[in-house]
C-alpha atoms as a PDB file:
ATOM      1  CA  MET A   1     -11.312  -3.569 -15.095  1.00  0.00           C
ATOM      2  CA  ALA A   2      -9.531  -2.435 -18.306  1.00  0.00           C
ATOM      3  CA  ASN A   3     -13.058  -2.681 -20.200  1.00  0.00           C
ATOM      4  CA  THR A   4     -14.783  -0.482 -17.443  1.00  0.00           C
ATOM      5  CA  LEU A   5     -11.941   2.076 -16.937  1.00  0.00           C
ATOM      6  CA  VAL A   6     -11.875   2.244 -20.840  1.00  0.00           C
ATOM      7  CA  THR A   7     -15.670   2.321 -21.886  1.00  0.00           C
ATOM      8  CA  LYS A   8     -17.361   3.697 -18.807  1.00  0.00           C
ATOM      9  CA  THR A   9     -14.858   7.175 -17.656  1.00  0.00           C
ATOM     10  CA  ALA A  10     -13.251   9.711 -19.078  1.00  0.00           C
ATOM     11  CA  ILE A  11      -9.825   8.962 -17.682  1.00  0.00           C
ATOM     12  CA  PRO A  12      -6.814   9.447 -19.788  1.00  0.00           C
ATOM     13  CA  ILE A  13      -5.009   6.553 -20.979  1.00  0.00           C
ATOM     14  CA  SER A  14      -1.897   7.271 -19.126  1.00  0.00           C
ATOM     15  CA  ILE A  15      -4.092   7.247 -15.910  1.00  0.00           C
ATOM     16  CA  ILE A  16      -5.526   3.704 -17.079  1.00  0.00           C
ATOM     17  CA  ASN A  17      -2.450   2.288 -17.671  1.00  0.00           C
ATOM     18  CA  ARG A  18      -0.887   3.405 -14.257  1.00  0.00           C
ATOM     19  CA  SER A  19      -4.278   1.830 -12.566  1.00  0.00           C
ATOM     20  CA  LEU A  20      -3.601  -1.488 -14.511  1.00  0.00           C
ATOM     21  CA  GLU A  21       0.068  -1.888 -13.198  1.00  0.00           C
ATOM     22  CA  LYS A  22      -1.273  -0.969  -9.677  1.00  0.00           C
ATOM     23  CA  LEU A  23      -3.929  -3.626 -10.032  1.00  0.00           C
ATOM     24  CA  ASP A  24      -1.066  -6.198 -11.360  1.00  0.00           C
ATOM     25  CA  GLN A  25       0.711  -5.559  -8.254  1.00  0.00           C
ATOM     26  CA  LEU A  26      -2.208  -6.935  -6.334  1.00  0.00           C
ATOM     27  CA  ASN A  27      -1.265 -10.207  -7.454  1.00  0.00           C
ATOM     28  CA  PHE A  28      -5.340 -11.425  -8.325  1.00  0.00           C
ATOM     29  CA  VAL A  29      -6.124 -14.962  -8.576  1.00  0.00           C
ATOM     30  CA  VAL A  30      -7.830 -15.633 -12.014  1.00  0.00           C
ATOM     31  CA  ILE A  31     -10.185 -18.240 -12.128  1.00  0.00           C
ATOM     32  CA  ARG A  32     -11.227 -19.587 -15.132  1.00  0.00           C
ATOM     33  CA  PRO A  33     -15.186 -21.078 -15.259  1.00  0.00           C
ATOM     34  CA  VAL A  34     -15.998 -24.595 -15.624  1.00  0.00           C
ATOM     35  CA  VAL A  35     -19.102 -25.763 -17.799  1.00  0.00           C
ATOM     36  CA  GLU A  36     -21.133 -26.191 -14.643  1.00  0.00           C
ATOM     37  CA  GLU A  37     -20.576 -22.441 -13.957  1.00  0.00           C
ATOM     38  CA  LEU A  38     -21.116 -21.378 -17.306  1.00  0.00           C
ATOM     39  CA  LYS A  39     -24.321 -22.777 -17.488  1.00  0.00           C
ATOM     40  CA  ILE A  40     -25.114 -20.748 -14.193  1.00  0.00           C
ATOM     41  CA  ILE A  41     -23.798 -17.669 -15.820  1.00  0.00           C
ATOM     42  CA  ALA A  42     -25.873 -18.277 -19.160  1.00  0.00           C
ATOM     43  CA  LYS A  43     -28.864 -18.964 -17.338  1.00  0.00           C
ATOM     44  CA  PHE A  44     -28.239 -15.457 -15.703  1.00  0.00           C
ATOM     45  CA  ALA A  45     -27.713 -13.462 -18.661  1.00  0.00           C
ATOM     46  CA  LYS A  46     -30.748 -15.057 -20.419  1.00  0.00           C
ATOM     47  CA  THR A  47     -32.926 -14.448 -17.251  1.00  0.00           C
ATOM     48  CA  TYR A  48     -31.958 -10.936 -16.859  1.00  0.00           C
ATOM     49  CA  HIS A  49     -31.206 -10.014 -20.707  1.00  0.00           C
ATOM     50  CA  VAL A  50     -27.601  -8.844 -19.907  1.00  0.00           C
ATOM     51  CA  SER A  51     -24.562  -9.962 -21.537  1.00  0.00           C
ATOM     52  CA  VAL A  52     -22.663 -13.003 -20.413  1.00  0.00           C
ATOM     53  CA  TYR A  53     -19.736 -10.834 -19.756  1.00  0.00           C
ATOM     54  CA  ASP A  54     -21.768  -8.733 -17.190  1.00  0.00           C
ATOM     55  CA  ALA A  55     -23.345 -12.098 -15.708  1.00  0.00           C
ATOM     56  CA  THR A  56     -19.985 -13.623 -14.640  1.00  0.00           C
ATOM     57  CA  TYR A  57     -19.534 -10.904 -12.469  1.00  0.00           C
ATOM     58  CA  ALA A  58     -22.799 -10.905 -10.777  1.00  0.00           C
ATOM     59  CA  VAL A  59     -22.991 -14.800 -10.609  1.00  0.00           C
ATOM     60  CA  LEU A  60     -19.306 -14.838  -8.941  1.00  0.00           C
ATOM     61  CA  ALA A  61     -20.786 -12.190  -6.419  1.00  0.00           C
ATOM     62  CA  GLN A  62     -23.549 -14.038  -5.593  1.00  0.00           C
ATOM     63  CA  GLU A  63     -21.522 -17.154  -5.174  1.00  0.00           C
ATOM     64  CA  LYS A  64     -19.072 -15.214  -2.930  1.00  0.00           C
ATOM     65  CA  ASN A  65     -21.806 -13.577  -1.163  1.00  0.00           C
ATOM     66  CA  CYS A  66     -20.325 -10.258  -1.779  1.00  0.00           C
ATOM     67  CA  ASP A  67     -21.742  -6.841  -3.517  1.00  0.00           C
ATOM     68  CA  LEU A  68     -20.833  -6.437  -7.214  1.00  0.00           C
ATOM     69  CA  ILE A  69     -20.046  -2.576  -7.828  1.00  0.00           C
ATOM     70  CA  THR A  70     -20.529  -1.489 -11.104  1.00  0.00           C
ATOM     71  CA  ALA A  71     -20.027   1.720 -13.195  1.00  0.00           C
ATOM     72  CA  ASP A  72     -22.939   0.591 -15.554  1.00  0.00           C
ATOM     73  CA  SER A  73     -26.273   1.687 -14.392  1.00  0.00           C
ATOM     74  CA  LYS A  74     -28.022   0.197 -17.109  1.00  0.00           C
ATOM     75  CA  PHE A  75     -26.970  -2.990 -16.034  1.00  0.00           C
ATOM     76  CA  ALA A  76     -27.562  -2.632 -12.185  1.00  0.00           C
ATOM     77  CA  ASP A  77     -31.015  -1.262 -13.148  1.00  0.00           C
ATOM     78  CA  ARG A  78     -31.912  -3.989 -15.169  1.00  0.00           C
ATOM     79  CA  VAL A  79     -31.001  -6.828 -12.823  1.00  0.00           C
ATOM     80  CA  ASN A  80     -32.119  -4.915  -9.990  1.00  0.00           C
ATOM     81  CA  LEU A  81     -30.461  -7.323  -7.359  1.00  0.00           C
ATOM     82  CA  PRO A  82     -29.687  -6.019  -3.837  1.00  0.00           C
ATOM     83  CA  PHE A  83     -26.018  -7.014  -4.212  1.00  0.00           C
ATOM     84  CA  VAL A  84     -25.559  -5.264  -7.432  1.00  0.00           C
ATOM     85  CA  LYS A  85     -24.726  -1.715  -6.668  1.00  0.00           C
ATOM     86  CA  HIS A  86     -24.194   1.414  -8.790  1.00  0.00           C
ATOM     87  CA  LEU A  87     -21.054   2.952  -8.236  1.00  0.00           C
ATOM     88  CA  THR A  88     -22.924   6.477  -7.307  1.00  0.00           C
ATOM     89  CA  SER A  89     -24.505   4.755  -4.590  1.00  0.00           C
ATOM     90  CA  VAL A  90     -21.794   3.326  -2.711  1.00  0.00           C
ATOM     91  CA  ASN A  91     -20.120   5.163   0.057  1.00  0.00           C
ATOM     92  CA  ILE A  92     -16.006   4.378  -0.408  1.00  0.00           C
ATOM     93  CA  ASN A  93     -15.031   6.601   2.572  1.00  0.00           C
ATOM     94  CA  SER A  94     -16.761   4.393   5.090  1.00  0.00           C
END
């Protein structure tokens, strides 16, 4: 999240910091991928010519059968998968 807020938006650092503090309060569980998962991630990255960093989120979304909403239009266009959606195509009010 921090990377996206910093690199894909024009949000000031003070708001980024507050956003990260709010995220911390949600008590997310951090999962470290095991080697077998990393192999799947690496294959995805090679297949779609994307970074392992981006592939990790896509593979996780695919495994959890949920959408990956990204601000990275190049990534969304490159993989062109129905569960990878660009932020501008998502109606967050519904």
